[in-house]
Amino acid sequence: MNINANKFAGSSAITFALLWVLCSIVVIALPYQSMGIMGSMVHSDMGGLQWNMHIGGLVVGLVAWSLSAGVTAWLIATIYNKLL
């Protein structure tokens, strides 16, 4: 079964965009709790740090993560289809 690489890439990019926006909302709403969770995820003490949230960073991160996810998904699907 072949995977449509373009559809898989698009759906991955959209999914990452939604997750990025959701994550940004959580960080804005619960900055201290988010920092604690992020510290646990990377095995670090992030207690002395703070978030620097602004619309420019949100948009740049949204575009960068969405493009990265789309390209990665396209590459995975293309390689998978070639290995069949």
C-alpha atoms as a PDB file:
ATOM      1  CA  MET A   1       0.000   0.000   0.000  1.00  0.00           C
ATOM      2  CA  ASN A   2       1.477   3.321  -1.071  1.00  0.00           C
ATOM      3  CA  ILE A   3       1.159   6.432   1.048  1.00  0.00           C
ATOM      4  CA  ASN A   4       0.249   9.651  -0.747  1.00  0.00           C
ATOM      5  CA  ALA A   5       3.341  11.647   0.255  1.00  0.00           C
ATOM      6  CA  ASN A   6       1.773  15.046  -0.421  1.00  0.00           C
ATOM      7  CA  LYS A   7      -1.361  14.369   1.637  1.00  0.00           C
ATOM      8  CA  PHE A   8       0.706  12.862   4.447  1.00  0.00           C
ATOM      9  CA  ALA A   9       3.001  15.908   4.423  1.00  0.00           C
ATOM     10  CA  GLY A  10       0.044  18.303   4.454  1.00  0.00           C
ATOM     11  CA  SER A  11      -1.740  16.517   7.273  1.00  0.00           C
ATOM     12  CA  SER A  12       1.473  16.424   9.318  1.00  0.00           C
ATOM     13  CA  ALA A  13       2.085  20.139   8.774  1.00  0.00           C
ATOM     14  CA  ILE A  14      -1.487  20.984   9.804  1.00  0.00           C
ATOM     15  CA  THR A  15      -1.253  18.740  12.879  1.00  0.00           C
ATOM     16  CA  PHE A  16       2.002  20.360  13.993  1.00  0.00           C
ATOM     17  CA  ALA A  17       0.517  23.822  13.417  1.00  0.00           C
ATOM     18  CA  LEU A  18      -2.456  22.980  15.641  1.00  0.00           C
ATOM     19  CA  LEU A  19      -0.192  21.521  18.326  1.00  0.00           C
ATOM     20  CA  TRP A  20       2.073  24.590  18.188  1.00  0.00           C
ATOM     21  CA  VAL A  21      -0.867  26.952  18.691  1.00  0.00           C
ATOM     22  CA  LEU A  22      -2.248  24.785  21.513  1.00  0.00           C
ATOM     23  CA  CYS A  23       1.154  24.656  23.204  1.00  0.00           C
ATOM     24  CA  SER A  24       1.533  28.446  22.880  1.00  0.00           C
ATOM     25  CA  ILE A  25      -1.880  28.973  24.472  1.00  0.00           C
ATOM     26  CA  VAL A  26      -0.917  26.700  27.378  1.00  0.00           C
ATOM     27  CA  VAL A  27       2.376  28.579  27.855  1.00  0.00           C
ATOM     28  CA  ILE A  28       0.566  31.933  27.871  1.00  0.00           C
ATOM     29  CA  ALA A  29      -2.142  30.697  30.257  1.00  0.00           C
ATOM     30  CA  LEU A  30       0.108  28.660  32.590  1.00  0.00           C
ATOM     31  CA  PRO A  31       3.686  29.926  32.214  1.00  0.00           C
ATOM     32  CA  TYR A  32       5.143  28.545  35.458  1.00  0.00           C
ATOM     33  CA  GLN A  33       3.516  25.142  35.139  1.00  0.00           C
ATOM     34  CA  SER A  34       4.626  24.934  31.495  1.00  0.00           C
ATOM     35  CA  MET A  35       8.205  25.728  32.460  1.00  0.00           C
ATOM     36  CA  GLY A  36       8.127  22.963  35.070  1.00  0.00           C
ATOM     37  CA  ILE A  37       6.762  20.448  32.567  1.00  0.00           C
ATOM     38  CA  MET A  38       9.327  21.484  29.952  1.00  0.00           C
ATOM     39  CA  GLY A  39      12.120  21.133  32.513  1.00  0.00           C
ATOM     40  CA  SER A  40      10.959  17.620  33.340  1.00  0.00           C
ATOM     41  CA  MET A  41      10.854  16.720  29.638  1.00  0.00           C
ATOM     42  CA  VAL A  42      14.507  17.727  29.119  1.00  0.00           C
ATOM     43  CA  HIS A  43      15.751  16.571  32.553  1.00  0.00           C
ATOM     44  CA  SER A  44      16.722  20.097  33.626  1.00  0.00           C
ATOM     45  CA  ASP A  45      15.898  22.625  36.310  1.00  0.00           C
ATOM     46  CA  MET A  46      14.227  25.467  34.444  1.00  0.00           C
ATOM     47  CA  GLY A  47      13.085  27.261  37.592  1.00  0.00           C
ATOM     48  CA  GLY A  48      15.257  30.333  37.004  1.00  0.00           C
ATOM     49  CA  LEU A  49      14.111  30.854  33.433  1.00  0.00           C
ATOM     50  CA  GLN A  50      11.049  32.538  32.004  1.00  0.00           C
ATOM     51  CA  TRP A  51       9.142  32.407  28.725  1.00  0.00           C
ATOM     52  CA  ASN A  52       9.555  35.151  26.135  1.00  0.00           C
ATOM     53  CA  MET A  53       6.253  34.924  24.274  1.00  0.00           C
ATOM     54  CA  HIS A  54       5.392  37.393  21.516  1.00  0.00           C
ATOM     55  CA  ILE A  55       3.393  37.191  18.306  1.00  0.00           C
ATOM     56  CA  GLY A  56       6.498  37.237  16.081  1.00  0.00           C
ATOM     57  CA  GLY A  57       7.974  34.225  17.838  1.00  0.00           C
ATOM     58  CA  LEU A  58       4.667  32.407  17.713  1.00  0.00           C
ATOM     59  CA  VAL A  59       4.391  32.935  13.946  1.00  0.00           C
ATOM     60  CA  VAL A  60       8.037  32.054  13.208  1.00  0.00           C
ATOM     61  CA  GLY A  61       7.776  28.896  15.311  1.00  0.00           C
ATOM     62  CA  LEU A  62       4.460  28.010  13.679  1.00  0.00           C
ATOM     63  CA  VAL A  63       5.909  28.288  10.173  1.00  0.00           C
ATOM     64  CA  ALA A  64       9.209  26.582  11.041  1.00  0.00           C
ATOM     65  CA  TRP A  65       7.645  23.599  12.825  1.00  0.00           C
ATOM     66  CA  SER A  66       4.910  23.177  10.216  1.00  0.00           C
ATOM     67  CA  LEU A  67       7.380  23.235   7.322  1.00  0.00           C
ATOM     68  CA  SER A  68       9.768  20.901   9.140  1.00  0.00           C
ATOM     69  CA  ALA A  69       6.958  18.458   9.902  1.00  0.00           C
ATOM     70  CA  GLY A  70       5.656  18.583   6.326  1.00  0.00           C
ATOM     71  CA  VAL A  71       9.058  18.017   4.746  1.00  0.00           C
ATOM     72  CA  THR A  72       9.893  15.230   7.194  1.00  0.00           C
ATOM     73  CA  ALA A  73       6.547  13.498   6.614  1.00  0.00           C
ATOM     74  CA  TRP A  74       6.940  13.807   2.841  1.00  0.00           C
ATOM     75  CA  LEU A  75      10.430  12.299   3.028  1.00  0.00           C
ATOM     76  CA  ILE A  76       9.246   9.433   5.260  1.00  0.00           C
ATOM     77  CA  ALA A  77       6.341   8.625   2.916  1.00  0.00           C
ATOM     78  CA  THR A  78       8.537   8.841  -0.180  1.00  0.00           C
ATOM     79  CA  ILE A  79      11.187   6.535   1.280  1.00  0.00           C
ATOM     80  CA  TYR A  80       8.505   4.140   2.541  1.00  0.00           C
ATOM     81  CA  ASN A  81       6.930   3.976  -0.928  1.00  0.00           C
ATOM     82  CA  LYS A  82      10.323   3.284  -2.539  1.00  0.00           C
ATOM     83  CA  LEU A  83      11.042   0.454  -0.073  1.00  0.00           C
ATOM     84  CA  LEU A  84       7.822  -1.390  -0.958  1.00  0.00           C
END
